[in-house]
C-alpha atoms as a PDB file:
ATOM      1  CA  MET A   1     -33.748  -6.088   1.785  1.00  0.00           C
ATOM      2  CA  ALA A   2     -30.454  -5.191   3.593  1.00  0.00           C
ATOM      3  CA  ALA A   3     -29.264  -8.735   3.275  1.00  0.00           C
ATOM      4  CA  ARG A   4     -30.199  -8.982  -0.314  1.00  0.00           C
ATOM      5  CA  ALA A   5     -28.323  -5.866  -1.194  1.00  0.00           C
ATOM      6  CA  SER A   6     -25.352  -6.919   0.596  1.00  0.00           C
ATOM      7  CA  LEU A   7     -25.305 -10.008  -1.432  1.00  0.00           C
ATOM      8  CA  TYR A   8     -25.557  -8.222  -4.551  1.00  0.00           C
ATOM      9  CA  ARG A   9     -22.618  -5.888  -3.931  1.00  0.00           C
ATOM     10  CA  ARG A  10     -19.544  -8.100  -4.789  1.00  0.00           C
ATOM     11  CA  GLU A  11     -16.978  -6.252  -2.597  1.00  0.00           C
ATOM     12  CA  SER A  12     -16.100  -5.131   0.912  1.00  0.00           C
ATOM     13  CA  ARG A  13     -16.573  -1.717   1.808  1.00  0.00           C
ATOM     14  CA  TRP A  14     -16.739   0.385   5.286  1.00  0.00           C
ATOM     15  CA  GLY A  15     -14.572  -1.682   7.385  1.00  0.00           C
ATOM     16  CA  LEU A  16     -16.414  -4.653   9.110  1.00  0.00           C
ATOM     17  CA  TYR A  17     -19.786  -2.759   8.282  1.00  0.00           C
ATOM     18  CA  HIS A  18     -19.841  -4.594   4.870  1.00  0.00           C
ATOM     19  CA  TYR A  19     -17.247  -7.372   4.610  1.00  0.00           C
ATOM     20  CA  ARG A  20     -17.505 -10.336   2.446  1.00  0.00           C
ATOM     21  CA  LEU A  21     -14.964 -13.344   2.805  1.00  0.00           C
ATOM     22  CA  ASP A  22     -15.439 -14.059  -0.897  1.00  0.00           C
ATOM     23  CA  PHE A  23     -15.117 -10.595  -2.062  1.00  0.00           C
ATOM     24  CA  PRO A  24     -12.560  -8.955   0.526  1.00  0.00           C
ATOM     25  CA  ASP A  25     -11.190  -5.849  -1.479  1.00  0.00           C
ATOM     26  CA  LYS A  26     -12.859  -2.607  -2.273  1.00  0.00           C
ATOM     27  CA  ASN A  27     -13.641  -2.379  -5.880  1.00  0.00           C
ATOM     28  CA  ASN A  28     -14.433   1.132  -7.012  1.00  0.00           C
ATOM     29  CA  GLU A  29     -14.662   0.653 -10.516  1.00  0.00           C
ATOM     30  CA  GLU A  30     -17.610  -1.538 -10.546  1.00  0.00           C
ATOM     31  CA  TRP A  31     -19.220  -0.667  -7.081  1.00  0.00           C
ATOM     32  CA  PHE A  32     -18.520   3.048  -6.305  1.00  0.00           C
ATOM     33  CA  CYS A  33     -22.382   3.490  -6.640  1.00  0.00           C
ATOM     34  CA  HIS A  34     -25.662   3.610  -4.646  1.00  0.00           C
ATOM     35  CA  MET A  35     -27.488   0.587  -4.329  1.00  0.00           C
ATOM     36  CA  ASN A  36     -31.411   0.913  -4.842  1.00  0.00           C
ATOM     37  CA  LEU A  37     -34.075  -1.349  -4.171  1.00  0.00           C
ATOM     38  CA  LYS A  38     -37.981  -1.253  -5.303  1.00  0.00           C
ATOM     39  CA  LYS A  39     -40.653  -3.700  -5.984  1.00  0.00           C
ATOM     40  CA  ASN A  40     -41.669  -4.495  -9.499  1.00  0.00           C
ATOM     41  CA  GLU A  41     -45.576  -4.787 -10.585  1.00  0.00           C
ATOM     42  CA  LEU A  42     -45.594  -8.217  -9.184  1.00  0.00           C
ATOM     43  CA  GLY A  43     -44.337  -7.233  -5.869  1.00  0.00           C
ATOM     44  CA  GLU A  44     -40.591  -8.679  -6.419  1.00  0.00           C
ATOM     45  CA  MET A  45     -37.760  -6.867  -5.221  1.00  0.00           C
ATOM     46  CA  MET A  46     -35.671  -5.275  -7.840  1.00  0.00           C
ATOM     47  CA  LEU A  47     -31.864  -4.148  -7.161  1.00  0.00           C
ATOM     48  CA  PHE A  48     -30.155  -1.660  -9.465  1.00  0.00           C
ATOM     49  CA  LYS A  49     -27.212   0.732  -9.439  1.00  0.00           C
ATOM     50  CA  ARG A  50     -27.386   4.208  -9.296  1.00  0.00           C
ATOM     51  CA  SER A  51     -24.218   6.093 -10.186  1.00  0.00           C
ATOM     52  CA  ILE A  52     -22.669   8.972  -8.325  1.00  0.00           C
ATOM     53  CA  GLU A  53     -20.229  11.422  -9.093  1.00  0.00           C
ATOM     54  CA  PRO A  54     -16.769  10.954  -7.283  1.00  0.00           C
ATOM     55  CA  TYR A  55     -16.316  13.266  -4.282  1.00  0.00           C
ATOM     56  CA  VAL A  56     -13.392  14.106  -1.807  1.00  0.00           C
ATOM     57  CA  VAL A  57     -14.618  14.849   1.695  1.00  0.00           C
ATOM     58  CA  GLU A  58     -12.184  17.178   3.343  1.00  0.00           C
ATOM     59  CA  VAL A  59     -11.193  16.053   7.080  1.00  0.00           C
ATOM     60  CA  ASP A  60      -9.565  18.003   9.873  1.00  0.00           C
ATOM     61  CA  LEU A  61      -7.656  15.481  11.657  1.00  0.00           C
ATOM     62  CA  GLN A  62      -6.888  17.836  14.669  1.00  0.00           C
ATOM     63  CA  LYS A  63     -10.655  18.288  15.368  1.00  0.00           C
ATOM     64  CA  GLU A  64     -11.940  16.316  18.373  1.00  0.00           C
ATOM     65  CA  VAL A  65     -15.333  15.952  16.977  1.00  0.00           C
ATOM     66  CA  TYR A  66     -14.525  12.975  14.810  1.00  0.00           C
ATOM     67  CA  ASN A  67     -13.972  10.863  17.745  1.00  0.00           C
ATOM     68  CA  VAL A  68     -10.959   9.115  16.058  1.00  0.00           C
ATOM     69  CA  ALA A  69      -7.347   8.692  17.483  1.00  0.00           C
ATOM     70  CA  VAL A  70      -4.783  10.771  15.726  1.00  0.00           C
ATOM     71  CA  ARG A  71      -1.226   9.315  16.000  1.00  0.00           C
END
């Protein structure tokens, strides 16, 4: 299921977590959404997009809890 969803999403996102050579760029216009999978009445896998509202996550780069290097 994860592989099917990854192939359905035609973009790269989250660094190396989801990177496609054939679609190397992020495309928020088309793919800023959740991907959902479910089985239909015949037991076949169906993929569909579920929209989400844009959001901003405030990050305090001075906090050690993020476990990232700050320059």
